[in-house]
Each structure stands twice: as C-alpha cells, then as structure tokens.
Amino acid sequence: MESLWIALKIVAPLFLLMAVGYLIKVTGLMNETSVRQVNKTIFKIFLPLLVFLNIYKTDLAESFNSKLLFFALCGVVLQFTISLCIVITSQKDHSRRGAMLQGMFRSNFVLFGIPITTALFGDTAAGLAAILISVIIPLYNVLAVLSLEMFHGKQPSFLKMLKGIVTNPLIIASVIGILFVTFHIELPDILYKTVSDLSEIATPLAFVILGASFSFGEIGRYAKELCITLGAKLLLFPALFIGIALLLGFRGAPLSVLLTVFGSPIAVSSFTMAQQMGGDDKLAGLLVVFSSILSIATMFLLIFLLKEFSFL
C-alpha cells in the first residue's frame, strides 16, 4: 500500500497539471499560437535554468556515474536500432517512418527526469539526471535529425546536426553548469535567488502547456502507427531496458534516472522537428499527445512495481 501511495503522489500531480492545461485550451484562455510561444519560452529559458541550477547544486564527483552514463548511451543507441528495424518492416510511407522512428526512441527525459527523480530521491537524483541530460540530449538531437533525414530522400547533414547540438539551450545550460561547478564559480546571492525562482516555474508550467497542446484529431488515419509506436515506446522498451538495468545491478537513484530515460513519453520537440524537416507532423503530434496521456498509467505502474520490490 505504501508503494502505491508513493507512486500516486509522484504521478498524480503531473496528470493534474496537464489536465489544467487542457482545460485552459478548452475554455479558450490560450490559443495555439500563444501555446507555441509559451512552450518556446519554457524550452529556451525556464528549463535551461532548471538544468543549470541542478548541476550547479550538484557535487560532480559524487553524482558522476560512468556506469550509468555508459548504460544510458548504449541503451538509447540500441533503442534507436531496434526502432529502425520495427519501422522499416511495419511501415512503407517515408514521412510516417520518420515520425514513428523518432517517437520510439526519443523520450521527454528533460521534462520528466528531474521532477520524478527528485520526488523519489531528492537533489542527489536530480544531479544525476541533470548530468545525464548533458549527454543524452545531444545524442537525441543527432538521432532525431538522422531519423527524419534518412526518410527524406537526402543525405543527413552533419553541419545541421552539429548546429542543432551546439545551439540547444539545454546543452548550453548543461555546459555552463559543469563549468561553474568545475571552476568553483559562485553566483551572487541575488542572482542565485532569481535563477532559483525562475527555475521553479519550469516544471509546472511545462506540464500545463503540454496539456494545452493536446489535440485529438485524425486518430482513425493513424491507428496502426499509434499502436505500433506507443506499444514499443511505453511497453516494450521500458520492460526491456529496465529489466537489463536490474540484471546489471542498478538500484535506487541511478535506476530512477534510467526509469525516466526509457519510460518517459515522447519528447514534445519531436513534433516541431517533424514539422520543420518534412516528417508527418500530424502523426508526430498525436504520438506526443497519447504517449503523454498513457505514460501517466505506465509510469505509475513502473514506479509502483519497482518500489514494491524494493528496487527504488
């Protein structure tokens, strides 16, 4: 019963925040344009500040875990490879292939990782998640560009991938945070308080805007693609990679970080990237919506089971 209550306390607030966002959209308080503008602000300002602050407050020597980093990187690459095989064998339309492939491996780790790991283990796990963000996000960006360009009839552009990495606000925030910690640079109290206050906005506002982004049109056209992609993303891969992690001895805070890497829903940015690079953006949008909704149940179940068997 205690495990059930812990899982509910962690997941229920995220669901309620998304419900508030959807209510805001339904009542017309925000339109699609304003939702996109706020979302852009979140990912360019508030989330980077949150990532920076979590790294800034982290003892790198204590939080750095080479085994965790290696497993996460290898896991994402393997996830991408398996996803590519599934997509090629199950779908013929190139634009849908790109959206499906990106959806299967690219998780919303930034948005889900820090709040869930912090709720479970406090700042120690938040530091682990923040450091992992600086490694996983560049990999996601490279593979996402590759996913869409390989089914776009063109050769993947190395320069485009490199630009996407070095200009990503989350990567920039991670690098700055690591530099501040490495060289023992301290923020003045006034600036620290400002950064701290702004970073606290990131998680609740991001989930509200995620809820306001929900759209349920054209489900029938994409029923097959939705079932295949969401089945792999929310059921197959969490079971596979969390299972392997348990066999390799991951427990506690490192396991909670891996849970959010492989169990989180599809990244919101996958929709934007599909729009910009010729993928099926309608399918990408539906995948983001339904993975976000269904992940409330799957994340709840994963946290409950792992707590029940004392792995977390």
Protein backbone atom coordinates (compact mmCIF):
# COMPACT_ATOMS: atom_id res chain seq x y z
CA MET A 1 0.00 0.00 0.00
CA GLU A 2 2.90 2.36 0.78
CA SER A 3 4.38 1.76 -2.69
CA LEU A 4 1.01 2.51 -4.26
CA TRP A 5 0.72 5.77 -2.35
CA ILE A 6 4.28 6.87 -3.26
CA ALA A 7 3.65 6.15 -6.95
CA LEU A 8 0.35 8.02 -6.82
CA LYS A 9 1.92 11.06 -5.10
CA ILE A 10 4.56 11.30 -7.82
CA VAL A 11 2.40 10.75 -10.91
CA ALA A 12 -0.95 12.33 -9.95
CA PRO A 13 0.33 15.95 -9.76
CA LEU A 14 1.79 15.64 -13.27
CA PHE A 15 -1.55 14.38 -14.58
CA LEU A 16 -3.44 17.21 -12.85
CA LEU A 17 -1.09 19.83 -14.29
CA MET A 18 -1.73 18.50 -17.81
CA ALA A 19 -5.48 18.45 -17.08
CA VAL A 20 -5.31 22.13 -16.09
CA GLY A 21 -3.52 22.88 -19.36
CA TYR A 22 -6.16 21.08 -21.40
CA LEU A 23 -8.90 22.96 -19.52
CA ILE A 24 -7.17 26.24 -20.36
CA LYS A 25 -7.21 25.27 -24.04
CA VAL A 26 -10.86 24.15 -24.00
CA THR A 27 -12.01 27.35 -22.33
CA GLY A 28 -10.15 29.45 -24.89
CA LEU A 29 -7.84 31.19 -22.45
CA MET A 30 -4.94 30.29 -24.74
CA ASN A 31 -4.88 29.62 -28.47
CA GLU A 32 -2.41 27.51 -30.46
CA THR A 33 -0.18 30.50 -31.19
CA SER A 34 0.15 31.52 -27.55
CA VAL A 35 0.73 27.89 -26.51
CA ARG A 36 3.60 27.62 -29.01
CA GLN A 37 5.08 30.92 -27.80
CA VAL A 38 4.95 29.92 -24.13
CA ASN A 39 6.35 26.49 -24.98
CA LYS A 40 9.24 28.14 -26.80
CA THR A 41 9.92 30.32 -23.76
CA ILE A 42 9.90 27.29 -21.46
CA PHE A 43 12.44 25.38 -23.54
CA LYS A 44 14.67 28.40 -24.17
CA ILE A 45 14.64 29.95 -20.68
CA PHE A 46 12.93 28.12 -17.83
CA LEU A 47 14.07 24.53 -18.46
CA PRO A 48 17.69 25.54 -19.20
CA LEU A 49 17.73 27.46 -15.90
CA LEU A 50 16.39 24.39 -14.12
CA VAL A 51 19.07 22.18 -15.69
CA PHE A 52 21.80 24.71 -14.88
CA LEU A 53 20.69 25.05 -11.25
CA ASN A 54 20.52 21.30 -10.68
CA ILE A 55 24.06 20.88 -12.00
CA TYR A 56 25.23 23.96 -10.08
CA LYS A 57 23.97 22.45 -6.80
CA THR A 58 25.49 19.07 -7.60
CA ASP A 59 28.72 17.57 -6.33
CA LEU A 60 30.04 16.29 -9.67
CA ALA A 61 32.47 13.87 -8.06
CA GLU A 62 29.63 12.36 -6.05
CA SER A 63 26.99 12.43 -8.81
CA PHE A 64 29.13 11.34 -11.77
CA ASN A 65 28.37 7.71 -12.52
CA SER A 66 30.28 6.32 -15.50
CA LYS A 67 28.36 3.03 -15.42
CA LEU A 68 25.05 4.92 -15.57
CA LEU A 69 26.22 7.15 -18.42
CA PHE A 70 27.55 4.21 -20.43
CA PHE A 71 24.39 2.17 -19.98
CA ALA A 72 22.12 5.10 -20.90
CA LEU A 73 24.10 5.93 -24.05
CA CYS A 74 24.30 2.31 -25.22
CA GLY A 75 20.64 1.81 -24.37
CA VAL A 76 19.48 4.79 -26.45
CA VAL A 77 21.58 3.66 -29.44
CA LEU A 78 20.20 0.12 -29.15
CA GLN A 79 16.68 1.52 -28.77
CA PHE A 80 17.17 3.52 -31.97
CA THR A 81 18.45 0.43 -33.82
CA ILE A 82 15.55 -1.77 -32.75
CA SER A 83 13.09 1.03 -33.57
CA LEU A 84 14.58 1.39 -37.06
CA CYS A 85 14.04 -2.33 -37.71
CA ILE A 86 10.43 -2.15 -36.47
CA VAL A 87 9.65 0.92 -38.59
CA ILE A 88 11.18 -0.44 -41.81
CA THR A 89 9.29 -3.72 -41.52
CA SER A 90 5.93 -2.25 -40.47
CA GLN A 91 5.58 0.98 -42.48
CA LYS A 92 6.12 1.90 -46.15
CA ASP A 93 5.34 5.62 -46.09
CA HIS A 94 8.61 7.54 -45.61
CA SER A 95 7.15 10.56 -43.82
CA ARG A 96 5.38 8.29 -41.33
CA ARG A 97 8.52 6.20 -40.88
CA GLY A 98 10.45 9.25 -39.72
CA ALA A 99 7.78 10.30 -37.23
CA MET A 100 7.42 6.76 -35.87
CA LEU A 101 11.16 6.22 -35.53
CA GLN A 102 11.66 9.49 -33.69
CA GLY A 103 8.71 8.68 -31.43
CA MET A 104 10.01 5.25 -30.45
CA PHE A 105 13.41 6.27 -29.12
CA ARG A 106 13.15 9.97 -28.18
CA SER A 107 11.77 10.44 -24.68
CA ASN A 108 10.74 13.55 -22.78
CA PHE A 109 13.57 12.90 -20.33
CA VAL A 110 14.19 16.60 -19.67
CA LEU A 111 10.62 17.26 -18.58
CA PHE A 112 10.02 14.04 -16.63
CA GLY A 113 13.52 13.15 -15.44
CA ILE A 114 14.23 15.84 -12.87
CA PRO A 115 10.78 16.07 -11.18
CA ILE A 116 10.31 12.30 -10.88
CA THR A 117 13.83 11.52 -9.69
CA THR A 118 13.73 14.48 -7.27
CA ALA A 119 10.39 13.28 -5.87
CA LEU A 120 11.89 9.83 -5.29
CA PHE A 121 15.40 10.63 -4.07
CA GLY A 122 15.83 14.39 -3.70
CA ASP A 123 18.69 16.52 -5.01
CA THR A 124 21.11 13.58 -5.38
CA ALA A 125 19.00 12.02 -8.10
CA ALA A 126 18.29 15.45 -9.62
CA GLY A 127 22.03 15.91 -10.02
CA LEU A 128 22.37 12.54 -11.70
CA ALA A 129 19.53 13.41 -14.07
CA ALA A 130 20.95 16.85 -14.84
CA ILE A 131 24.38 15.46 -15.71
CA LEU A 132 22.82 12.75 -17.86
CA ILE A 133 20.81 15.42 -19.70
CA SER A 134 24.07 16.97 -20.94
CA VAL A 135 24.98 13.65 -22.55
CA ILE A 136 21.63 12.22 -23.67
CA ILE A 137 20.16 15.38 -25.26
CA PRO A 138 22.96 15.75 -27.86
CA LEU A 139 22.53 12.08 -28.74
CA TYR A 140 18.76 12.51 -29.08
CA ASN A 141 19.29 15.51 -31.36
CA VAL A 142 21.71 13.67 -33.64
CA LEU A 143 19.50 10.59 -33.90
CA ALA A 144 16.34 12.69 -34.36
CA VAL A 145 17.84 14.56 -37.31
CA LEU A 146 19.07 11.25 -38.72
CA SER A 147 15.61 9.70 -38.25
CA LEU A 148 13.91 12.35 -40.35
CA GLU A 149 16.59 12.92 -42.94
CA MET A 150 17.15 9.25 -43.79
CA PHE A 151 13.49 9.05 -44.86
CA HIS A 152 13.52 12.43 -46.56
CA GLY A 153 15.39 11.37 -49.67
CA LYS A 154 18.51 13.33 -48.75
CA GLN A 155 21.84 12.61 -47.12
CA PRO A 156 21.90 13.55 -43.41
CA SER A 157 23.59 16.93 -42.95
CA PHE A 158 26.44 16.80 -40.45
CA LEU A 159 26.52 20.60 -40.17
CA LYS A 160 22.80 20.73 -39.46
CA MET A 161 23.17 18.11 -36.74
CA LEU A 162 26.17 19.93 -35.24
CA LYS A 163 24.31 23.24 -35.25
CA GLY A 164 21.29 21.62 -33.57
CA ILE A 165 23.55 20.33 -30.81
CA VAL A 166 25.65 23.42 -30.07
CA THR A 167 22.66 25.79 -30.17
CA ASN A 168 20.39 23.65 -27.97
CA PRO A 169 19.60 25.74 -24.85
CA LEU A 170 19.65 22.65 -22.63
CA ILE A 171 23.11 21.68 -23.84
CA ILE A 172 24.37 25.24 -23.35
CA ALA A 173 22.90 25.29 -19.82
CA SER A 174 24.50 21.92 -19.02
CA VAL A 175 27.93 23.03 -20.21
CA ILE A 176 27.73 26.32 -18.28
CA GLY A 177 26.61 24.45 -15.15
CA ILE A 178 29.50 21.99 -15.40
CA LEU A 179 31.97 24.87 -15.91
CA PHE A 180 30.61 26.71 -12.85
CA VAL A 181 30.98 23.61 -10.70
CA THR A 182 34.38 22.59 -12.09
CA PHE A 183 35.94 26.04 -11.59
CA HIS A 184 34.05 26.72 -8.32
CA ILE A 185 32.35 29.85 -9.65
CA GLU A 186 29.69 31.09 -7.23
CA LEU A 187 26.61 33.03 -8.20
CA PRO A 188 25.91 36.19 -6.16
CA ASP A 189 23.03 35.62 -3.73
CA ILE A 190 20.68 37.97 -5.60
CA LEU A 191 21.35 36.26 -8.93
CA TYR A 192 21.07 32.80 -7.37
CA LYS A 193 17.67 33.69 -5.88
CA THR A 194 16.47 34.97 -9.27
CA VAL A 195 17.65 31.86 -11.11
CA SER A 196 16.14 29.64 -8.42
CA ASP A 197 12.75 31.39 -8.60
CA LEU A 198 12.66 31.19 -12.40
CA SER A 199 13.70 27.53 -12.44
CA GLU A 200 10.81 26.65 -10.12
CA ILE A 201 8.40 27.81 -12.82
CA ALA A 202 9.77 25.34 -15.38
CA THR A 203 8.22 22.02 -14.40
CA PRO A 204 4.63 23.07 -13.55
CA LEU A 205 4.36 25.46 -16.50
CA ALA A 206 5.82 22.90 -18.92
CA PHE A 207 3.24 20.30 -17.91
CA VAL A 208 0.40 22.83 -18.12
CA ILE A 209 1.48 23.81 -21.63
CA LEU A 210 1.86 20.15 -22.58
CA GLY A 211 -1.78 19.65 -21.60
CA ALA A 212 -2.78 22.75 -23.57
CA SER A 213 -1.05 21.26 -26.63
CA PHE A 214 -3.29 18.18 -26.72
CA SER A 215 -5.24 17.66 -29.94
CA PHE A 216 -7.23 14.54 -30.77
CA GLY A 217 -7.97 14.93 -34.48
CA GLU A 218 -7.40 12.31 -37.20
CA ILE A 219 -6.90 9.37 -34.84
CA GLY A 220 -8.50 6.90 -37.27
CA ARG A 221 -5.99 7.58 -40.05
CA TYR A 222 -3.09 6.66 -37.83
CA ALA A 223 -4.48 3.85 -35.65
CA LYS A 224 -1.90 1.29 -36.81
CA GLU A 225 1.05 3.68 -36.43
CA LEU A 226 -0.12 4.79 -32.99
CA CYS A 227 -0.46 1.22 -31.72
CA ILE A 228 2.96 0.13 -33.01
CA THR A 229 4.87 3.20 -31.86
CA LEU A 230 3.22 3.54 -28.45
CA GLY A 231 3.45 -0.20 -27.81
CA ALA A 232 7.21 -0.08 -28.39
CA LYS A 233 7.74 3.22 -26.57
CA LEU A 234 5.66 2.66 -23.45
CA LEU A 235 5.68 -1.12 -23.03
CA LEU A 236 8.46 -2.91 -24.92
CA PHE A 237 11.41 -0.57 -24.27
CA PRO A 238 10.75 0.20 -20.57
CA ALA A 239 10.37 -3.53 -19.86
CA LEU A 240 13.49 -4.40 -21.87
CA PHE A 241 15.90 -1.73 -20.62
CA ILE A 242 14.71 -1.53 -17.01
CA GLY A 243 14.91 -5.33 -16.94
CA ILE A 244 18.50 -5.25 -18.21
CA ALA A 245 19.35 -2.47 -15.74
CA LEU A 246 18.06 -4.58 -12.86
CA LEU A 247 20.12 -7.56 -14.01
CA LEU A 248 23.20 -5.34 -14.12
CA GLY A 249 22.61 -4.26 -10.54
CA PHE A 250 21.19 -0.74 -10.91
CA ARG A 251 19.20 0.26 -7.85
CA GLY A 252 17.96 3.41 -6.11
CA ALA A 253 18.66 6.83 -7.61
CA PRO A 254 20.53 5.59 -10.76
CA LEU A 255 17.64 3.24 -11.52
CA SER A 256 15.12 6.08 -11.12
CA VAL A 257 17.07 8.11 -13.70
CA LEU A 258 17.05 5.19 -16.14
CA LEU A 259 13.33 4.78 -15.49
CA THR A 260 12.73 8.29 -16.81
CA VAL A 261 15.12 7.86 -19.76
CA PHE A 262 13.35 4.75 -21.05
CA GLY A 263 9.88 5.14 -19.53
CA SER A 264 9.05 8.79 -20.24
CA PRO A 265 6.66 9.72 -23.06
CA ILE A 266 7.74 11.06 -26.45
CA ALA A 267 9.53 14.43 -26.46
CA VAL A 268 7.34 17.40 -27.38
CA SER A 269 10.11 18.72 -29.62
CA SER A 270 9.70 15.70 -31.91
CA PHE A 271 6.52 17.32 -33.24
CA THR A 272 8.30 20.59 -34.02
CA MET A 273 11.19 18.80 -35.69
CA ALA A 274 8.83 16.71 -37.84
CA GLN A 275 7.17 19.94 -38.98
CA GLN A 276 10.47 21.51 -39.93
CA MET A 277 12.03 18.52 -41.65
CA GLY A 278 9.25 17.07 -43.78
CA GLY A 279 8.05 14.32 -41.47
CA ASP A 280 4.39 13.55 -40.83
CA ASP A 281 3.77 16.25 -38.23
CA LYS A 282 0.13 15.22 -37.62
CA LEU A 283 1.25 11.71 -36.68
CA ALA A 284 4.08 13.16 -34.58
CA GLY A 285 1.62 15.39 -32.73
CA LEU A 286 -0.75 12.51 -31.98
CA LEU A 287 2.15 10.40 -30.72
CA VAL A 288 3.18 13.15 -28.30
CA VAL A 289 -0.39 13.55 -27.04
CA PHE A 290 -1.19 9.88 -26.50
CA SER A 291 2.22 8.93 -25.13
CA SER A 292 1.92 11.76 -22.59
CA ILE A 293 -1.55 10.62 -21.50
CA LEU A 294 -0.80 6.89 -21.43
CA SER A 295 2.56 7.36 -19.72
CA ILE A 296 0.71 8.55 -16.62
CA ALA A 297 -0.50 4.97 -16.22
CA THR A 298 2.71 3.24 -17.35
CA MET A 299 4.99 5.43 -15.20
CA PHE A 300 2.69 4.91 -12.22
CA LEU A 301 2.85 1.13 -12.73
CA LEU A 302 6.64 1.11 -13.14
CA ILE A 303 7.23 3.22 -10.02
CA PHE A 304 4.77 1.11 -8.02
CA LEU A 305 6.34 -2.21 -9.03
CA LEU A 306 9.92 -1.05 -8.53
CA LYS A 307 9.04 0.37 -5.09
CA GLU A 308 7.05 -2.73 -4.17
CA PHE A 309 10.04 -5.00 -4.88
CA SER A 310 12.45 -2.56 -3.15
CA PHE A 311 14.44 -1.72 -6.28
CA LEU A 312 13.81 2.01 -5.77
